[in-house]
Amino acid sequence: MNIPNLLEKTKTILWETSTVLGLVLAVSVLVSTLFGPDVPFFGGVLNNVQGVIEALGSEGLGLIIAIIIILNVWNRKSDV
């Protein structure tokens, strides 16, 4: 058993999973914003995101900084 190869495969699978989940979250927020909270599956996502923003601060500054950092790391990874 080759441990480095196994770790690399696991890292790749986790990265692809997080990419797909990020896209699902983006689509969920977009659909919830466009069609309101009554849309099945997507409707409650915007309320959950608003809850996170409120938990981090009234202006959501902490969330904005976190998103910038995550996107920066994400863009570096996809450029490699």
N, C-alpha and C. Protein backbone atom coordinates (compact mmCIF):
# COMPACT_ATOMS: atom_id res chain seq x y z
N MET A 1 0.85 -1.18 0.00
CA MET A 1 0.00 0.00 0.00
C MET A 1 0.89 1.24 0.00
N ASN A 2 0.61 2.13 -0.91
CA ASN A 2 1.39 3.35 -1.06
C ASN A 2 0.63 4.50 -0.36
N ILE A 3 1.09 4.87 0.83
CA ILE A 3 0.40 5.89 1.64
C ILE A 3 0.37 7.25 0.95
N PRO A 4 1.48 7.76 0.38
CA PRO A 4 1.40 9.07 -0.29
C PRO A 4 0.40 9.09 -1.44
N ASN A 5 0.32 7.99 -2.18
CA ASN A 5 -0.63 7.91 -3.28
C ASN A 5 -2.06 7.92 -2.76
N LEU A 6 -2.30 7.20 -1.66
CA LEU A 6 -3.62 7.17 -1.05
C LEU A 6 -4.01 8.56 -0.53
N LEU A 7 -3.07 9.24 0.09
CA LEU A 7 -3.35 10.60 0.59
C LEU A 7 -3.64 11.56 -0.56
N GLU A 8 -2.92 11.42 -1.65
CA GLU A 8 -3.15 12.29 -2.82
C GLU A 8 -4.53 12.05 -3.41
N LYS A 9 -4.94 10.78 -3.51
CA LYS A 9 -6.27 10.47 -4.03
C LYS A 9 -7.36 11.02 -3.11
N THR A 10 -7.14 10.87 -1.79
CA THR A 10 -8.11 11.39 -0.83
C THR A 10 -8.21 12.90 -0.92
N LYS A 11 -7.08 13.57 -1.05
CA LYS A 11 -7.06 15.02 -1.19
C LYS A 11 -7.81 15.45 -2.45
N THR A 12 -7.60 14.74 -3.54
CA THR A 12 -8.28 15.06 -4.80
C THR A 12 -9.79 14.88 -4.66
N ILE A 13 -10.21 13.80 -4.04
CA ILE A 13 -11.64 13.55 -3.86
C ILE A 13 -12.27 14.63 -2.99
N LEU A 14 -11.60 14.99 -1.89
CA LEU A 14 -12.13 16.03 -1.02
C LEU A 14 -12.19 17.38 -1.72
N TRP A 15 -11.18 17.68 -2.53
CA TRP A 15 -11.17 18.95 -3.26
C TRP A 15 -12.32 19.02 -4.26
N GLU A 16 -12.53 17.94 -5.00
CA GLU A 16 -13.62 17.91 -5.97
C GLU A 16 -14.98 18.00 -5.27
N THR A 17 -15.11 17.34 -4.14
CA THR A 17 -16.36 17.40 -3.38
C THR A 17 -16.64 18.82 -2.90
N SER A 18 -15.60 19.48 -2.39
CA SER A 18 -15.81 20.86 -1.92
C SER A 18 -16.13 21.80 -3.08
N THR A 19 -15.58 21.54 -4.25
CA THR A 19 -15.90 22.34 -5.42
C THR A 19 -17.37 22.20 -5.80
N VAL A 20 -17.84 20.97 -5.83
CA VAL A 20 -19.25 20.71 -6.17
C VAL A 20 -20.17 21.33 -5.13
N LEU A 21 -19.84 21.17 -3.85
CA LEU A 21 -20.68 21.74 -2.80
C LEU A 21 -20.68 23.27 -2.84
N GLY A 22 -19.55 23.87 -3.19
CA GLY A 22 -19.50 25.32 -3.35
C GLY A 22 -20.40 25.79 -4.47
N LEU A 23 -20.41 25.05 -5.57
CA LEU A 23 -21.30 25.41 -6.69
C LEU A 23 -22.77 25.23 -6.32
N VAL A 24 -23.08 24.16 -5.58
CA VAL A 24 -24.46 23.95 -5.13
C VAL A 24 -24.90 25.09 -4.21
N LEU A 25 -24.02 25.52 -3.32
CA LEU A 25 -24.34 26.63 -2.43
C LEU A 25 -24.58 27.91 -3.22
N ALA A 26 -23.74 28.18 -4.21
CA ALA A 26 -23.90 29.39 -5.02
C ALA A 26 -25.23 29.36 -5.77
N VAL A 27 -25.57 28.23 -6.36
CA VAL A 27 -26.83 28.11 -7.09
C VAL A 27 -28.01 28.23 -6.12
N SER A 28 -27.87 27.64 -4.93
CA SER A 28 -28.94 27.71 -3.93
C SER A 28 -29.23 29.15 -3.51
N VAL A 29 -28.17 29.91 -3.27
CA VAL A 29 -28.35 31.32 -2.88
C VAL A 29 -28.97 32.10 -4.03
N LEU A 30 -28.53 31.85 -5.25
CA LEU A 30 -29.07 32.55 -6.41
C LEU A 30 -30.56 32.23 -6.60
N VAL A 31 -30.92 30.96 -6.54
CA VAL A 31 -32.32 30.57 -6.73
C VAL A 31 -33.18 31.12 -5.60
N SER A 32 -32.68 31.05 -4.38
CA SER A 32 -33.43 31.57 -3.23
C SER A 32 -33.62 33.08 -3.34
N THR A 33 -32.62 33.78 -3.84
CA THR A 33 -32.73 35.23 -4.02
C THR A 33 -33.72 35.58 -5.12
N LEU A 34 -33.69 34.84 -6.21
CA LEU A 34 -34.56 35.15 -7.34
C LEU A 34 -36.02 34.77 -7.10
N PHE A 35 -36.27 33.62 -6.48
CA PHE A 35 -37.63 33.10 -6.40
C PHE A 35 -38.22 33.11 -4.99
N GLY A 36 -37.45 33.54 -4.00
CA GLY A 36 -37.98 33.66 -2.64
C GLY A 36 -37.83 32.40 -1.82
N PRO A 37 -38.30 32.47 -0.58
CA PRO A 37 -38.09 31.36 0.35
C PRO A 37 -39.03 30.17 0.17
N ASP A 38 -39.97 30.24 -0.76
CA ASP A 38 -40.93 29.15 -0.94
C ASP A 38 -40.47 28.09 -1.92
N VAL A 39 -39.28 28.24 -2.48
CA VAL A 39 -38.76 27.28 -3.45
C VAL A 39 -38.29 26.03 -2.69
N PRO A 40 -38.76 24.85 -3.10
CA PRO A 40 -38.32 23.63 -2.42
C PRO A 40 -36.80 23.45 -2.51
N PHE A 41 -36.22 22.95 -1.48
CA PHE A 41 -34.79 22.68 -1.31
C PHE A 41 -33.95 23.94 -1.24
N PHE A 42 -34.15 24.88 -2.11
CA PHE A 42 -33.32 26.07 -2.16
C PHE A 42 -33.83 27.21 -1.27
N GLY A 43 -35.09 27.18 -0.90
CA GLY A 43 -35.71 28.30 -0.22
C GLY A 43 -35.10 28.70 1.11
N GLY A 44 -34.73 27.73 1.94
CA GLY A 44 -34.21 28.04 3.25
C GLY A 44 -32.73 28.38 3.29
N VAL A 45 -32.05 28.24 2.18
CA VAL A 45 -30.61 28.47 2.15
C VAL A 45 -30.27 29.92 2.45
N LEU A 46 -31.01 30.82 1.87
CA LEU A 46 -30.74 32.24 2.08
C LEU A 46 -30.93 32.63 3.54
N ASN A 47 -31.94 32.07 4.19
CA ASN A 47 -32.14 32.34 5.62
C ASN A 47 -30.96 31.82 6.44
N ASN A 48 -30.44 30.66 6.08
CA ASN A 48 -29.29 30.10 6.78
C ASN A 48 -28.05 30.96 6.57
N VAL A 49 -27.84 31.44 5.37
CA VAL A 49 -26.69 32.30 5.09
C VAL A 49 -26.83 33.62 5.85
N GLN A 50 -28.04 34.15 5.91
CA GLN A 50 -28.26 35.38 6.67
C GLN A 50 -27.98 35.16 8.15
N GLY A 51 -28.33 34.00 8.67
CA GLY A 51 -28.04 33.68 10.05
C GLY A 51 -26.55 33.65 10.34
N VAL A 52 -25.78 33.12 9.41
CA VAL A 52 -24.32 33.09 9.56
C VAL A 52 -23.77 34.51 9.54
N ILE A 53 -24.25 35.32 8.62
CA ILE A 53 -23.79 36.71 8.54
C ILE A 53 -24.11 37.46 9.82
N GLU A 54 -25.30 37.28 10.36
CA GLU A 54 -25.68 37.95 11.60
C GLU A 54 -24.84 37.46 12.77
N ALA A 55 -24.49 36.19 12.77
CA ALA A 55 -23.67 35.65 13.86
C ALA A 55 -22.27 36.23 13.83
N LEU A 56 -21.77 36.55 12.64
CA LEU A 56 -20.42 37.10 12.52
C LEU A 56 -20.37 38.60 12.74
N GLY A 57 -21.49 39.25 12.71
CA GLY A 57 -21.52 40.69 12.90
C GLY A 57 -22.62 41.29 12.08
N SER A 58 -23.06 42.46 12.49
CA SER A 58 -24.20 43.06 11.81
C SER A 58 -23.89 43.39 10.35
N GLU A 59 -22.67 43.75 10.06
CA GLU A 59 -22.30 44.06 8.67
C GLU A 59 -21.77 42.84 7.92
N GLY A 60 -21.54 41.74 8.64
CA GLY A 60 -21.02 40.55 7.97
C GLY A 60 -19.58 40.70 7.54
N LEU A 61 -18.84 41.60 8.19
CA LEU A 61 -17.46 41.86 7.79
C LEU A 61 -16.60 40.61 7.93
N GLY A 62 -16.81 39.87 8.99
CA GLY A 62 -16.02 38.64 9.19
C GLY A 62 -16.26 37.64 8.08
N LEU A 63 -17.50 37.52 7.65
CA LEU A 63 -17.82 36.61 6.56
C LEU A 63 -17.19 37.06 5.26
N ILE A 64 -17.24 38.33 4.99
CA ILE A 64 -16.64 38.85 3.76
C ILE A 64 -15.13 38.57 3.73
N ILE A 65 -14.46 38.80 4.85
CA ILE A 65 -13.02 38.54 4.92
C ILE A 65 -12.74 37.05 4.73
N ALA A 66 -13.54 36.20 5.36
CA ALA A 66 -13.36 34.76 5.22
C ALA A 66 -13.57 34.31 3.78
N ILE A 67 -14.58 34.85 3.12
CA ILE A 67 -14.84 34.48 1.73
C ILE A 67 -13.69 34.92 0.83
N ILE A 68 -13.15 36.11 1.06
CA ILE A 68 -12.02 36.58 0.27
C ILE A 68 -10.82 35.66 0.44
N ILE A 69 -10.55 35.26 1.68
CA ILE A 69 -9.42 34.36 1.93
C ILE A 69 -9.64 33.00 1.27
N ILE A 70 -10.85 32.46 1.42
CA ILE A 70 -11.15 31.15 0.82
C ILE A 70 -11.04 31.21 -0.70
N LEU A 71 -11.58 32.25 -1.31
CA LEU A 71 -11.49 32.38 -2.76
C LEU A 71 -10.06 32.54 -3.23
N ASN A 72 -9.26 33.25 -2.45
CA ASN A 72 -7.85 33.43 -2.79
C ASN A 72 -7.13 32.08 -2.78
N VAL A 73 -7.36 31.29 -1.74
CA VAL A 73 -6.74 29.96 -1.66
C VAL A 73 -7.27 29.08 -2.78
N TRP A 74 -8.56 29.16 -3.04
CA TRP A 74 -9.19 28.34 -4.08
C TRP A 74 -8.59 28.68 -5.45
N ASN A 75 -8.42 29.96 -5.74
CA ASN A 75 -7.86 30.36 -7.04
C ASN A 75 -6.41 29.91 -7.18
N ARG A 76 -5.65 29.94 -6.11
CA ARG A 76 -4.26 29.46 -6.17
C ARG A 76 -4.25 27.97 -6.46
N LYS A 77 -5.15 27.22 -5.85
CA LYS A 77 -5.20 25.77 -6.05
C LYS A 77 -5.58 25.44 -7.48
N SER A 78 -6.54 26.16 -8.06
CA SER A 78 -6.97 25.85 -9.42
C SER A 78 -5.97 26.33 -10.47
N ASP A 79 -5.07 27.23 -10.12
CA ASP A 79 -4.04 27.67 -11.07
C ASP A 79 -2.91 26.66 -11.17
N VAL A 80 -2.76 25.82 -10.16
CA VAL A 80 -1.64 24.87 -10.11
C VAL A 80 -1.83 23.75 -11.06
